[in-house]
Amino acid sequence: MLIARLVIGLLLFSAIVCFALSIATGQVRWRRMGIVIMKWTLIAGLAFFAVLILERLALLL
C-alpha cells in the first residue's frame, strides 16, 4: 500500500511540475506531458482502488 501511495504521489508531483513549467516557459509540450502524466495517475489510482475492492470481495466469498 505504501508503494502505491508513493507512486501516485510522485506522479501527481511530476504532473504539477510539468504544468508549472508550462506556465513558466509558455511551451505547449510541458502542458501536454502534464496531461499525459495526469491521465496515467488517474489510471493508477483507479487500478489501486479496483484491487482493494476485489480484495474485499474475495474475503466475502
N, C-alpha and C. Protein backbone atom coordinates (compact mmCIF):
# COMPACT_ATOMS: atom_id res chain seq x y z
N MET A 1 0.83 -1.18 0.00
CA MET A 1 0.00 0.00 0.00
C MET A 1 0.88 1.25 0.00
N LEU A 2 1.98 1.20 0.72
CA LEU A 2 2.88 2.35 0.78
C LEU A 2 3.50 2.63 -0.59
N ILE A 3 3.83 1.58 -1.30
CA ILE A 3 4.44 1.76 -2.63
C ILE A 3 3.43 2.38 -3.58
N ALA A 4 2.19 1.95 -3.54
CA ALA A 4 1.17 2.52 -4.42
C ALA A 4 0.94 4.00 -4.12
N ARG A 5 0.90 4.35 -2.84
CA ARG A 5 0.74 5.76 -2.46
C ARG A 5 1.93 6.58 -2.92
N LEU A 6 3.11 6.02 -2.79
CA LEU A 6 4.32 6.72 -3.21
C LEU A 6 4.32 6.95 -4.72
N VAL A 7 3.96 5.94 -5.48
CA VAL A 7 3.93 6.07 -6.94
C VAL A 7 2.89 7.11 -7.36
N ILE A 8 1.71 7.05 -6.80
CA ILE A 8 0.67 8.01 -7.15
C ILE A 8 1.07 9.42 -6.74
N GLY A 9 1.68 9.56 -5.57
CA GLY A 9 2.14 10.86 -5.12
C GLY A 9 3.22 11.44 -6.02
N LEU A 10 4.17 10.60 -6.43
CA LEU A 10 5.22 11.08 -7.33
C LEU A 10 4.67 11.44 -8.70
N LEU A 11 3.71 10.68 -9.18
CA LEU A 11 3.08 11.02 -10.46
C LEU A 11 2.36 12.36 -10.38
N LEU A 12 1.63 12.58 -9.29
CA LEU A 12 0.95 13.87 -9.11
C LEU A 12 1.95 15.02 -9.03
N PHE A 13 3.04 14.81 -8.30
CA PHE A 13 4.06 15.85 -8.18
C PHE A 13 4.68 16.16 -9.53
N SER A 14 4.98 15.14 -10.33
CA SER A 14 5.58 15.38 -11.63
C SER A 14 4.60 16.07 -12.58
N ALA A 15 3.31 15.78 -12.47
CA ALA A 15 2.32 16.47 -13.29
C ALA A 15 2.25 17.95 -12.91
N ILE A 16 2.31 18.24 -11.61
CA ILE A 16 2.29 19.63 -11.16
C ILE A 16 3.53 20.37 -11.65
N VAL A 17 4.68 19.70 -11.60
CA VAL A 17 5.91 20.33 -12.10
C VAL A 17 5.80 20.60 -13.59
N CYS A 18 5.24 19.68 -14.34
CA CYS A 18 5.07 19.90 -15.79
C CYS A 18 4.14 21.07 -16.06
N PHE A 19 3.04 21.17 -15.31
CA PHE A 19 2.13 22.30 -15.50
C PHE A 19 2.80 23.62 -15.12
N ALA A 20 3.62 23.61 -14.08
CA ALA A 20 4.35 24.82 -13.68
C ALA A 20 5.35 25.22 -14.75
N LEU A 21 6.04 24.25 -15.33
CA LEU A 21 6.98 24.55 -16.42
C LEU A 21 6.24 25.07 -17.65
N SER A 22 5.05 24.56 -17.87
CA SER A 22 4.25 25.05 -18.99
C SER A 22 3.89 26.52 -18.80
N ILE A 23 3.52 26.88 -17.59
CA ILE A 23 3.18 28.27 -17.30
C ILE A 23 4.42 29.14 -17.38
N ALA A 24 5.55 28.65 -16.85
CA ALA A 24 6.77 29.44 -16.79
C ALA A 24 7.38 29.67 -18.17
N THR A 25 7.37 28.63 -19.02
CA THR A 25 8.04 28.75 -20.31
C THR A 25 7.08 29.09 -21.45
N GLY A 26 5.81 28.79 -21.26
CA GLY A 26 4.84 29.03 -22.33
C GLY A 26 4.86 27.97 -23.42
N GLN A 27 5.58 26.89 -23.20
CA GLN A 27 5.66 25.83 -24.20
C GLN A 27 4.51 24.85 -24.00
N VAL A 28 3.89 24.49 -25.11
CA VAL A 28 2.75 23.56 -25.07
C VAL A 28 3.21 22.15 -24.73
N ARG A 29 4.45 21.84 -25.04
CA ARG A 29 4.99 20.50 -24.80
C ARG A 29 4.85 20.09 -23.34
N TRP A 30 5.13 21.00 -22.41
CA TRP A 30 5.05 20.68 -20.98
C TRP A 30 3.62 20.45 -20.54
N ARG A 31 2.69 21.25 -21.08
CA ARG A 31 1.28 21.05 -20.71
C ARG A 31 0.79 19.70 -21.21
N ARG A 32 1.17 19.34 -22.43
CA ARG A 32 0.78 18.05 -22.99
C ARG A 32 1.34 16.90 -22.16
N MET A 33 2.60 17.03 -21.74
CA MET A 33 3.21 15.99 -20.93
C MET A 33 2.53 15.91 -19.56
N GLY A 34 2.15 17.05 -18.98
CA GLY A 34 1.44 17.06 -17.71
C GLY A 34 0.09 16.38 -17.81
N ILE A 35 -0.60 16.59 -18.93
CA ILE A 35 -1.90 15.94 -19.13
C ILE A 35 -1.74 14.43 -19.25
N VAL A 36 -0.71 13.99 -19.96
CA VAL A 36 -0.46 12.55 -20.10
C VAL A 36 -0.12 11.93 -18.75
N ILE A 37 0.71 12.61 -17.97
CA ILE A 37 1.07 12.08 -16.64
C ILE A 37 -0.17 12.05 -15.74
N MET A 38 -1.01 13.09 -15.82
CA MET A 38 -2.23 13.12 -15.02
C MET A 38 -3.16 11.97 -15.40
N LYS A 39 -3.24 11.68 -16.70
CA LYS A 39 -4.08 10.57 -17.15
C LYS A 39 -3.60 9.25 -16.56
N TRP A 40 -2.29 9.02 -16.59
CA TRP A 40 -1.75 7.78 -16.05
C TRP A 40 -1.86 7.73 -14.54
N THR A 41 -1.84 8.89 -13.89
CA THR A 41 -2.06 8.93 -12.45
C THR A 41 -3.47 8.48 -12.11
N LEU A 42 -4.45 8.97 -12.86
CA LEU A 42 -5.83 8.56 -12.63
C LEU A 42 -6.03 7.07 -12.89
N ILE A 43 -5.39 6.57 -13.93
CA ILE A 43 -5.48 5.14 -14.23
C ILE A 43 -4.87 4.31 -13.11
N ALA A 44 -3.71 4.75 -12.60
CA ALA A 44 -3.05 4.03 -11.49
C ALA A 44 -3.92 4.08 -10.24
N GLY A 45 -4.54 5.22 -9.96
CA GLY A 45 -5.41 5.33 -8.79
C GLY A 45 -6.63 4.44 -8.90
N LEU A 46 -7.24 4.43 -10.07
CA LEU A 46 -8.41 3.56 -10.27
C LEU A 46 -8.04 2.09 -10.17
N ALA A 47 -6.88 1.72 -10.70
CA ALA A 47 -6.43 0.33 -10.61
C ALA A 47 -6.16 -0.05 -9.15
N PHE A 48 -5.58 0.87 -8.39
CA PHE A 48 -5.31 0.62 -6.98
C PHE A 48 -6.60 0.37 -6.21
N PHE A 49 -7.61 1.22 -6.44
CA PHE A 49 -8.88 1.04 -5.74
C PHE A 49 -9.62 -0.20 -6.24
N ALA A 50 -9.46 -0.55 -7.50
CA ALA A 50 -10.08 -1.77 -8.01
C ALA A 50 -9.50 -3.00 -7.31
N VAL A 51 -8.20 -2.99 -7.10
CA VAL A 51 -7.56 -4.11 -6.40
C VAL A 51 -8.07 -4.19 -4.96
N LEU A 52 -8.21 -3.05 -4.31
CA LEU A 52 -8.74 -3.05 -2.94
C LEU A 52 -10.16 -3.59 -2.89
N ILE A 53 -10.99 -3.19 -3.83
CA ILE A 53 -12.38 -3.66 -3.88
C ILE A 53 -12.42 -5.16 -4.15
N LEU A 54 -11.61 -5.62 -5.11
CA LEU A 54 -11.59 -7.05 -5.40
C LEU A 54 -11.08 -7.86 -4.21
N GLU A 55 -10.15 -7.30 -3.47
CA GLU A 55 -9.65 -7.99 -2.28
C GLU A 55 -10.76 -8.14 -1.24
N ARG A 56 -11.55 -7.09 -1.07
CA ARG A 56 -12.68 -7.16 -0.12
C ARG A 56 -13.72 -8.17 -0.58
N LEU A 57 -13.99 -8.19 -1.90
CA LEU A 57 -14.97 -9.14 -2.42
C LEU A 57 -14.50 -10.57 -2.25
N ALA A 58 -13.21 -10.79 -2.41
CA ALA A 58 -12.67 -12.15 -2.27
C ALA A 58 -12.83 -12.64 -0.82
N LEU A 59 -12.74 -11.73 0.12
CA LEU A 59 -12.92 -12.14 1.51
C LEU A 59 -14.36 -12.50 1.83
N LEU A 60 -15.30 -11.91 1.11
CA LEU A 60 -16.71 -12.20 1.35
C LEU A 60 -17.12 -13.56 0.80
N LEU A 61 -16.41 -14.03 -0.21
CA LEU A 61 -16.79 -15.31 -0.82
C LEU A 61 -16.24 -16.46 -0.10
